[in-house]
Amino acid sequence: MALRIRDADPSEHAAVADLTEAAYRQYEEALGSHWAPYLADLRDIESRRERGQLIVAELDGGLVGCVTFLPSYRNDAIPGDVAATTGGCGFRVLATAPAARGHGVGEALVRECVRRARDLGAPTLLLHTGSFMEAAVRLYERLGFERVTADGDPGPDSRLLTYRLAI
């Protein structure tokens, strides 16, 4: 069966939260004391859905990935965030179920975000990621995202990285 990308149904929110936690659990050690509040944010599906569009990937009837597409992206935690001045779309919390990694789930979800940004006429698609999220960084760079230094970005040795794709 083919991978199916679609908007999440509200009845799936608990399953999406569980999938997201399972996908991000590998970063618990890297985040140290920041893990608990980050996990609470990851599991807060309702807040993400209020700000954007919750997209899921389904394979053989089961959820294998998710992402939140943000038609208007700004990370208020980053002073002077680059998105505020570009009018770009964005996405956050890209997650692939551990058992589904390596099967193109993350790439398919990113490509759906690119399609949605293009349909809205956005000039850019933006994201923030952690330098310790090595597989995600490789994916974004392979898909043409470029590292940008935004005001408020602590620098190249920080955990926070900003990427932009010109649409």
N, C-alpha and C. Protein backbone atom coordinates (compact mmCIF):
# COMPACT_ATOMS: atom_id res chain seq x y z
N MET A 1 0.84 -1.18 0.00
CA MET A 1 0.00 0.00 0.00
C MET A 1 0.89 1.25 0.00
N ALA A 2 0.45 2.28 -0.66
CA ALA A 2 1.21 3.52 -0.78
C ALA A 2 1.03 4.40 0.45
N LEU A 3 2.02 5.22 0.65
CA LEU A 3 1.97 6.21 1.73
C LEU A 3 0.91 7.24 1.38
N ARG A 4 0.06 7.55 2.33
CA ARG A 4 -1.02 8.52 2.13
C ARG A 4 -0.78 9.70 3.06
N ILE A 5 -0.76 10.90 2.49
CA ILE A 5 -0.59 12.13 3.26
C ILE A 5 -1.94 12.84 3.29
N ARG A 6 -2.36 13.23 4.49
CA ARG A 6 -3.68 13.85 4.64
C ARG A 6 -3.72 14.67 5.91
N ASP A 7 -4.77 15.48 6.04
CA ASP A 7 -5.00 16.21 7.28
C ASP A 7 -5.45 15.22 8.35
N ALA A 8 -5.01 15.47 9.57
CA ALA A 8 -5.38 14.61 10.69
C ALA A 8 -6.84 14.83 11.06
N ASP A 9 -7.46 13.80 11.50
CA ASP A 9 -8.81 13.86 12.03
C ASP A 9 -8.70 14.13 13.53
N PRO A 10 -9.58 14.96 14.09
CA PRO A 10 -9.52 15.22 15.53
C PRO A 10 -9.51 13.96 16.39
N SER A 11 -10.14 12.90 15.92
CA SER A 11 -10.16 11.65 16.70
C SER A 11 -8.77 11.01 16.78
N GLU A 12 -7.82 11.49 15.98
CA GLU A 12 -6.47 10.92 15.96
C GLU A 12 -5.47 11.70 16.81
N HIS A 13 -5.90 12.75 17.46
CA HIS A 13 -4.96 13.61 18.18
C HIS A 13 -4.16 12.87 19.25
N ALA A 14 -4.78 11.99 19.99
CA ALA A 14 -4.03 11.23 21.01
C ALA A 14 -2.99 10.34 20.36
N ALA A 15 -3.35 9.70 19.25
CA ALA A 15 -2.40 8.84 18.55
C ALA A 15 -1.25 9.67 17.96
N VAL A 16 -1.55 10.87 17.47
CA VAL A 16 -0.51 11.75 16.94
C VAL A 16 0.43 12.18 18.07
N ALA A 17 -0.11 12.49 19.23
CA ALA A 17 0.74 12.86 20.37
C ALA A 17 1.65 11.70 20.76
N ASP A 18 1.13 10.49 20.78
CA ASP A 18 1.94 9.32 21.13
C ASP A 18 3.02 9.06 20.08
N LEU A 19 2.67 9.18 18.80
CA LEU A 19 3.64 9.00 17.73
C LEU A 19 4.76 10.04 17.84
N THR A 20 4.38 11.28 18.10
CA THR A 20 5.36 12.36 18.21
C THR A 20 6.31 12.09 19.38
N GLU A 21 5.77 11.70 20.51
CA GLU A 21 6.62 11.40 21.65
C GLU A 21 7.58 10.26 21.33
N ALA A 22 7.09 9.21 20.71
CA ALA A 22 7.96 8.08 20.36
C ALA A 22 9.07 8.51 19.41
N ALA A 23 8.75 9.38 18.47
CA ALA A 23 9.74 9.83 17.50
C ALA A 23 10.80 10.71 18.13
N TYR A 24 10.42 11.53 19.09
CA TYR A 24 11.35 12.48 19.70
C TYR A 24 12.05 11.93 20.95
N ARG A 25 11.62 10.80 21.43
CA ARG A 25 12.19 10.22 22.66
C ARG A 25 13.71 10.09 22.56
N GLN A 26 14.23 9.87 21.36
CA GLN A 26 15.68 9.70 21.18
C GLN A 26 16.47 10.96 21.56
N TYR A 27 15.80 12.10 21.67
CA TYR A 27 16.49 13.35 21.99
C TYR A 27 16.43 13.71 23.47
N GLU A 28 15.86 12.85 24.27
CA GLU A 28 15.70 13.14 25.70
C GLU A 28 17.03 13.46 26.35
N GLU A 29 18.04 12.66 26.11
CA GLU A 29 19.35 12.89 26.73
C GLU A 29 19.98 14.20 26.25
N ALA A 30 19.89 14.45 24.95
CA ALA A 30 20.48 15.67 24.39
C ALA A 30 19.83 16.93 24.97
N LEU A 31 18.55 16.85 25.28
CA LEU A 31 17.84 18.02 25.81
C LEU A 31 17.96 18.17 27.32
N GLY A 32 18.34 17.11 27.98
CA GLY A 32 18.56 17.18 29.42
C GLY A 32 17.37 17.77 30.17
N SER A 33 17.61 18.83 30.93
CA SER A 33 16.56 19.44 31.74
C SER A 33 15.47 20.11 30.91
N HIS A 34 15.72 20.32 29.64
CA HIS A 34 14.71 20.93 28.76
C HIS A 34 13.71 19.90 28.22
N TRP A 35 13.98 18.60 28.46
CA TRP A 35 13.15 17.55 27.89
C TRP A 35 11.69 17.64 28.36
N ALA A 36 11.45 17.76 29.63
CA ALA A 36 10.07 17.73 30.14
C ALA A 36 9.20 18.83 29.54
N PRO A 37 9.65 20.11 29.52
CA PRO A 37 8.79 21.12 28.90
C PRO A 37 8.68 20.93 27.38
N TYR A 38 9.75 20.43 26.76
CA TYR A 38 9.70 20.19 25.31
C TYR A 38 8.70 19.08 25.01
N LEU A 39 8.72 18.03 25.81
CA LEU A 39 7.77 16.94 25.62
C LEU A 39 6.34 17.43 25.77
N ALA A 40 6.09 18.29 26.76
CA ALA A 40 4.74 18.83 26.93
C ALA A 40 4.32 19.60 25.69
N ASP A 41 5.24 20.37 25.11
CA ASP A 41 4.94 21.11 23.88
C ASP A 41 4.69 20.14 22.71
N LEU A 42 5.51 19.12 22.59
CA LEU A 42 5.34 18.14 21.51
C LEU A 42 3.97 17.47 21.57
N ARG A 43 3.52 17.17 22.76
CA ARG A 43 2.25 16.46 22.94
C ARG A 43 1.03 17.39 22.86
N ASP A 44 1.25 18.70 22.85
CA ASP A 44 0.15 19.66 22.83
C ASP A 44 -0.38 19.84 21.40
N ILE A 45 -1.06 18.83 20.94
CA ILE A 45 -1.58 18.80 19.57
C ILE A 45 -2.61 19.91 19.36
N GLU A 46 -3.44 20.16 20.34
CA GLU A 46 -4.49 21.17 20.19
C GLU A 46 -3.91 22.56 19.91
N SER A 47 -2.87 22.94 20.63
CA SER A 47 -2.26 24.26 20.39
C SER A 47 -1.65 24.35 19.00
N ARG A 48 -0.99 23.27 18.57
CA ARG A 48 -0.41 23.29 17.22
C ARG A 48 -1.51 23.36 16.17
N ARG A 49 -2.60 22.65 16.38
CA ARG A 49 -3.69 22.67 15.41
C ARG A 49 -4.36 24.03 15.35
N GLU A 50 -4.39 24.73 16.46
CA GLU A 50 -4.97 26.08 16.47
C GLU A 50 -4.13 27.04 15.63
N ARG A 51 -2.83 26.83 15.59
CA ARG A 51 -1.92 27.71 14.84
C ARG A 51 -1.71 27.27 13.41
N GLY A 52 -2.01 26.02 13.11
CA GLY A 52 -1.70 25.53 11.78
C GLY A 52 -2.53 24.34 11.37
N GLN A 53 -1.98 23.58 10.46
CA GLN A 53 -2.66 22.42 9.90
C GLN A 53 -1.89 21.16 10.28
N LEU A 54 -2.54 20.27 10.98
CA LEU A 54 -1.91 19.03 11.41
C LEU A 54 -2.04 18.00 10.28
N ILE A 55 -0.90 17.58 9.78
CA ILE A 55 -0.83 16.66 8.64
C ILE A 55 -0.27 15.33 9.12
N VAL A 56 -0.84 14.24 8.64
CA VAL A 56 -0.34 12.92 9.02
C VAL A 56 0.01 12.11 7.77
N ALA A 57 0.87 11.14 8.01
CA ALA A 57 1.22 10.15 6.99
C ALA A 57 0.67 8.81 7.46
N GLU A 58 0.03 8.12 6.56
CA GLU A 58 -0.61 6.85 6.88
C GLU A 58 -0.07 5.78 5.94
N LEU A 59 0.23 4.63 6.48
CA LEU A 59 0.70 3.49 5.70
C LEU A 59 0.00 2.24 6.21
N ASP A 60 -0.62 1.52 5.31
CA ASP A 60 -1.34 0.30 5.68
C ASP A 60 -2.32 0.52 6.83
N GLY A 61 -2.98 1.67 6.81
CA GLY A 61 -4.01 1.97 7.80
C GLY A 61 -3.49 2.49 9.13
N GLY A 62 -2.18 2.60 9.28
CA GLY A 62 -1.63 3.09 10.54
C GLY A 62 -0.90 4.41 10.37
N LEU A 63 -0.90 5.23 11.39
CA LEU A 63 -0.18 6.50 11.34
C LEU A 63 1.31 6.23 11.50
N VAL A 64 2.11 6.82 10.60
CA VAL A 64 3.56 6.62 10.64
C VAL A 64 4.33 7.94 10.69
N GLY A 65 3.62 9.06 10.62
CA GLY A 65 4.31 10.34 10.67
C GLY A 65 3.33 11.48 10.80
N CYS A 66 3.88 12.65 11.18
CA CYS A 66 3.05 13.85 11.30
C CYS A 66 3.93 15.09 11.23
N VAL A 67 3.30 16.20 10.94
CA VAL A 67 3.96 17.51 10.93
C VAL A 67 2.88 18.56 11.08
N THR A 68 3.25 19.72 11.59
CA THR A 68 2.32 20.84 11.66
C THR A 68 2.77 21.89 10.66
N PHE A 69 1.93 22.16 9.67
CA PHE A 69 2.18 23.19 8.67
C PHE A 69 1.62 24.50 9.21
N LEU A 70 2.42 25.56 9.13
CA LEU A 70 2.03 26.86 9.65
C LEU A 70 1.95 27.86 8.50
N PRO A 71 0.74 28.23 8.08
CA PRO A 71 0.60 29.17 6.96
C PRO A 71 1.28 30.51 7.21
N SER A 72 1.38 30.90 8.47
CA SER A 72 2.08 32.12 8.85
C SER A 72 2.99 31.74 10.00
N TYR A 73 4.30 31.74 9.75
CA TYR A 73 5.23 31.20 10.73
C TYR A 73 6.02 32.28 11.43
N ARG A 74 6.02 32.20 12.73
CA ARG A 74 6.87 33.05 13.55
C ARG A 74 7.12 32.31 14.85
N ASN A 75 8.37 32.23 15.23
CA ASN A 75 8.71 31.62 16.50
C ASN A 75 8.93 32.74 17.50
N ASP A 76 7.95 32.99 18.33
CA ASP A 76 8.02 34.10 19.28
C ASP A 76 9.12 33.91 20.32
N ALA A 77 9.65 32.72 20.43
CA ALA A 77 10.73 32.49 21.38
C ALA A 77 12.06 33.03 20.87
N ILE A 78 12.10 33.42 19.59
CA ILE A 78 13.34 33.90 18.99
C ILE A 78 13.17 35.36 18.63
N PRO A 79 13.79 36.27 19.38
CA PRO A 79 13.66 37.70 19.06
C PRO A 79 14.12 37.98 17.63
N GLY A 80 13.33 38.74 16.89
CA GLY A 80 13.70 39.11 15.53
C GLY A 80 13.70 37.94 14.56
N ASP A 81 12.90 36.93 14.83
CA ASP A 81 12.88 35.74 13.99
C ASP A 81 12.75 36.11 12.51
N VAL A 82 13.54 35.46 11.67
CA VAL A 82 13.58 35.74 10.24
C VAL A 82 12.21 35.61 9.59
N ALA A 83 11.38 34.74 10.08
CA ALA A 83 10.06 34.53 9.47
C ALA A 83 9.19 35.77 9.58
N ALA A 84 9.40 36.56 10.61
CA ALA A 84 8.56 37.73 10.81
C ALA A 84 8.73 38.75 9.69
N THR A 85 9.88 38.75 9.05
CA THR A 85 10.14 39.74 8.01
C THR A 85 10.02 39.17 6.60
N THR A 86 9.83 37.88 6.47
CA THR A 86 9.78 37.29 5.13
C THR A 86 8.37 36.92 4.68
N GLY A 87 7.43 36.89 5.59
CA GLY A 87 6.08 36.49 5.22
C GLY A 87 6.00 35.03 4.86
N GLY A 88 6.92 34.24 5.37
CA GLY A 88 6.99 32.84 5.00
C GLY A 88 6.05 31.95 5.78
N CYS A 89 5.80 30.81 5.16
CA CYS A 89 5.12 29.72 5.85
C CYS A 89 6.20 28.94 6.60
N GLY A 90 5.77 28.00 7.39
CA GLY A 90 6.73 27.18 8.11
C GLY A 90 6.12 25.86 8.49
N PHE A 91 6.94 25.06 9.13
CA PHE A 91 6.42 23.84 9.72
C PHE A 91 7.23 23.52 10.96
N ARG A 92 6.62 22.71 11.81
CA ARG A 92 7.32 22.29 13.02
C ARG A 92 6.86 20.91 13.45
N VAL A 93 7.66 20.32 14.28
CA VAL A 93 7.40 19.01 14.87
C VAL A 93 7.14 17.96 13.79
N LEU A 94 8.12 17.83 12.91
CA LEU A 94 8.10 16.74 11.93
C LEU A 94 8.49 15.47 12.68
N ALA A 95 7.66 14.45 12.61
CA ALA A 95 7.91 13.21 13.35
C ALA A 95 7.61 12.00 12.47
N THR A 96 8.51 11.03 12.54
CA THR A 96 8.31 9.75 11.87
C THR A 96 8.39 8.66 12.92
N ALA A 97 7.43 7.77 12.91
CA ALA A 97 7.44 6.65 13.85
C ALA A 97 8.76 5.89 13.70
N PRO A 98 9.39 5.52 14.80
CA PRO A 98 10.69 4.83 14.71
C PRO A 98 10.69 3.64 13.75
N ALA A 99 9.64 2.84 13.73
CA ALA A 99 9.59 1.66 12.85
C ALA A 99 9.47 2.02 11.38
N ALA A 100 9.09 3.27 11.07
CA ALA A 100 8.88 3.68 9.68
C ALA A 100 10.04 4.51 9.13
N ARG A 101 11.06 4.72 9.91
CA ARG A 101 12.19 5.54 9.45
C ARG A 101 12.89 4.88 8.27
N GLY A 102 13.36 5.73 7.37
CA GLY A 102 14.06 5.23 6.20
C GLY A 102 13.16 4.84 5.05
N HIS A 103 11.87 5.14 5.15
CA HIS A 103 10.91 4.78 4.12
C HIS A 103 10.30 5.99 3.43
N GLY A 104 10.91 7.17 3.60
CA GLY A 104 10.45 8.36 2.90
C GLY A 104 9.30 9.10 3.55
N VAL A 105 8.95 8.75 4.77
CA VAL A 105 7.82 9.40 5.45
C VAL A 105 8.12 10.87 5.70
N GLY A 106 9.25 11.17 6.30
CA GLY A 106 9.62 12.56 6.59
C GLY A 106 9.69 13.39 5.33
N GLU A 107 10.31 12.84 4.30
CA GLU A 107 10.42 13.57 3.03
C GLU A 107 9.04 13.85 2.44
N ALA A 108 8.16 12.88 2.48
CA ALA A 108 6.81 13.08 1.93
C ALA A 108 6.08 14.18 2.70
N LEU A 109 6.24 14.22 4.01
CA LEU A 109 5.59 15.26 4.81
C LEU A 109 6.18 16.64 4.52
N VAL A 110 7.49 16.73 4.38
CA VAL A 110 8.11 18.01 4.03
C VAL A 110 7.64 18.47 2.66
N ARG A 111 7.60 17.56 1.70
CA ARG A 111 7.14 17.92 0.35
C ARG A 111 5.68 18.41 0.37
N GLU A 112 4.87 17.86 1.24
CA GLU A 112 3.49 18.34 1.38
C GLU A 112 3.49 19.77 1.93
N CYS A 113 4.37 20.07 2.86
CA CYS A 113 4.47 21.44 3.39
C CYS A 113 4.93 22.39 2.29
N VAL A 114 5.87 21.96 1.46
CA VAL A 114 6.33 22.78 0.33
C VAL A 114 5.16 23.05 -0.61
N ARG A 115 4.39 22.02 -0.90
CA ARG A 115 3.24 22.18 -1.80
C ARG A 115 2.24 23.18 -1.24
N ARG A 116 1.94 23.07 0.04
CA ARG A 116 0.97 23.97 0.66
C ARG A 116 1.49 25.41 0.68
N ALA A 117 2.77 25.59 0.95
CA ALA A 117 3.36 26.94 0.93
C ALA A 117 3.30 27.52 -0.47
N ARG A 118 3.61 26.71 -1.46
CA ARG A 118 3.56 27.16 -2.86
C ARG A 118 2.13 27.55 -3.23
N ASP A 119 1.16 26.74 -2.82
CA ASP A 119 -0.25 27.05 -3.12
C ASP A 119 -0.69 28.37 -2.50
N LEU A 120 -0.10 28.74 -1.38
CA LEU A 120 -0.43 30.01 -0.72
C LEU A 120 0.35 31.18 -1.29
N GLY A 121 1.29 30.90 -2.18
CA GLY A 121 2.12 31.97 -2.75
C GLY A 121 3.18 32.49 -1.81
N ALA A 122 3.56 31.70 -0.84
CA ALA A 122 4.58 32.13 0.13
C ALA A 122 5.95 32.20 -0.54
N PRO A 123 6.75 33.20 -0.16
CA PRO A 123 8.09 33.29 -0.75
C PRO A 123 9.07 32.28 -0.17
N THR A 124 8.80 31.83 1.08
CA THR A 124 9.72 30.92 1.74
C THR A 124 8.97 29.93 2.63
N LEU A 125 9.66 28.86 2.93
CA LEU A 125 9.19 27.89 3.91
C LEU A 125 10.31 27.79 4.94
N LEU A 126 9.97 27.99 6.20
CA LEU A 126 10.96 28.08 7.27
C LEU A 126 10.75 27.00 8.31
N LEU A 127 11.85 26.71 9.00
CA LEU A 127 11.77 25.78 10.12
C LEU A 127 12.93 26.03 11.07
N HIS A 128 12.75 25.59 12.28
CA HIS A 128 13.81 25.59 13.28
C HIS A 128 14.00 24.14 13.69
N THR A 129 15.26 23.76 13.87
CA THR A 129 15.56 22.40 14.30
C THR A 129 16.75 22.44 15.24
N GLY A 130 17.07 21.32 15.82
CA GLY A 130 18.22 21.25 16.70
C GLY A 130 19.41 20.65 15.97
N SER A 131 20.59 21.14 16.30
CA SER A 131 21.80 20.62 15.65
C SER A 131 22.00 19.14 15.97
N PHE A 132 21.44 18.66 17.06
CA PHE A 132 21.56 17.26 17.44
C PHE A 132 20.58 16.37 16.68
N MET A 133 19.68 16.96 15.92
CA MET A 133 18.71 16.21 15.11
C MET A 133 19.33 15.96 13.72
N GLU A 134 20.38 15.16 13.71
CA GLU A 134 21.22 15.01 12.53
C GLU A 134 20.49 14.48 11.31
N ALA A 135 19.62 13.50 11.48
CA ALA A 135 18.89 12.96 10.33
C ALA A 135 17.97 14.02 9.73
N ALA A 136 17.34 14.81 10.57
CA ALA A 136 16.46 15.87 10.08
C ALA A 136 17.26 16.92 9.32
N VAL A 137 18.41 17.31 9.86
CA VAL A 137 19.26 18.30 9.19
C VAL A 137 19.67 17.78 7.82
N ARG A 138 20.07 16.52 7.74
CA ARG A 138 20.46 15.94 6.43
C ARG A 138 19.28 15.99 5.45
N LEU A 139 18.09 15.65 5.92
CA LEU A 139 16.90 15.67 5.06
C LEU A 139 16.64 17.08 4.55
N TYR A 140 16.64 18.05 5.42
CA TYR A 140 16.34 19.43 5.00
C TYR A 140 17.37 19.92 3.99
N GLU A 141 18.62 19.65 4.24
CA GLU A 141 19.66 20.10 3.32
C GLU A 141 19.56 19.38 1.98
N ARG A 142 19.25 18.10 2.00
CA ARG A 142 19.09 17.35 0.75
C ARG A 142 17.91 17.88 -0.07
N LEU A 143 16.88 18.39 0.60
CA LEU A 143 15.71 18.93 -0.09
C LEU A 143 15.88 20.40 -0.49
N GLY A 144 17.05 20.96 -0.24
CA GLY A 144 17.34 22.32 -0.71
C GLY A 144 17.17 23.42 0.30
N PHE A 145 16.86 23.09 1.53
CA PHE A 145 16.78 24.11 2.58
C PHE A 145 18.18 24.63 2.86
N GLU A 146 18.28 25.92 3.11
CA GLU A 146 19.57 26.55 3.40
C GLU A 146 19.57 27.08 4.82
N ARG A 147 20.69 26.90 5.47
CA ARG A 147 20.87 27.40 6.83
C ARG A 147 20.93 28.92 6.78
N VAL A 148 20.17 29.56 7.64
CA VAL A 148 20.21 31.02 7.74
C VAL A 148 20.48 31.40 9.19
N THR A 149 21.13 32.51 9.36
CA THR A 149 21.36 33.02 10.70
C THR A 149 20.37 34.16 10.91
N ALA A 150 19.49 33.96 11.82
CA ALA A 150 18.45 34.95 12.11
C ALA A 150 18.85 35.73 13.36
N ASP A 151 18.34 36.95 13.46
CA ASP A 151 18.53 37.70 14.70
C ASP A 151 18.03 36.84 15.85
N GLY A 152 18.80 36.76 16.89
CA GLY A 152 18.40 35.95 18.03
C GLY A 152 18.91 34.54 17.97
N ASP A 153 19.45 34.14 16.82
CA ASP A 153 20.03 32.81 16.71
C ASP A 153 21.36 32.83 17.45
N PRO A 154 21.56 31.97 18.43
CA PRO A 154 22.78 32.02 19.23
C PRO A 154 24.06 31.71 18.46
N GLY A 155 24.00 31.17 17.26
CA GLY A 155 25.20 30.93 16.48
C GLY A 155 25.34 29.50 16.04
N PRO A 156 26.40 29.22 15.28
CA PRO A 156 26.54 27.90 14.65
C PRO A 156 26.77 26.76 15.64
N ASP A 157 27.20 27.04 16.84
CA ASP A 157 27.43 25.98 17.82
C ASP A 157 26.23 25.74 18.72
N SER A 158 25.15 26.45 18.47
CA SER A 158 23.98 26.33 19.32
C SER A 158 23.18 25.09 18.95
N ARG A 159 22.21 24.80 19.77
CA ARG A 159 21.31 23.69 19.48
C ARG A 159 20.24 24.09 18.48
N LEU A 160 20.00 25.37 18.33
CA LEU A 160 18.93 25.83 17.46
C LEU A 160 19.47 26.23 16.09
N LEU A 161 18.88 25.67 15.04
CA LEU A 161 19.25 26.00 13.66
C LEU A 161 18.01 26.47 12.93
N THR A 162 18.17 27.47 12.08
CA THR A 162 17.08 27.99 11.27
C THR A 162 17.37 27.64 9.81
N TYR A 163 16.37 27.09 9.13
CA TYR A 163 16.48 26.75 7.72
C TYR A 163 15.37 27.41 6.94
N ARG A 164 15.70 27.74 5.67
CA ARG A 164 14.73 28.38 4.79
C ARG A 164 14.84 27.75 3.41
N LEU A 165 13.69 27.58 2.79
CA LEU A 165 13.61 27.12 1.41
C LEU A 165 12.91 28.21 0.61
N ALA A 166 13.54 28.71 -0.44
CA ALA A 166 12.87 29.66 -1.33
C ALA A 166 11.86 28.87 -2.16
N ILE A 167 10.65 29.39 -2.22
CA ILE A 167 9.58 28.70 -2.95
C ILE A 167 9.53 29.23 -4.37
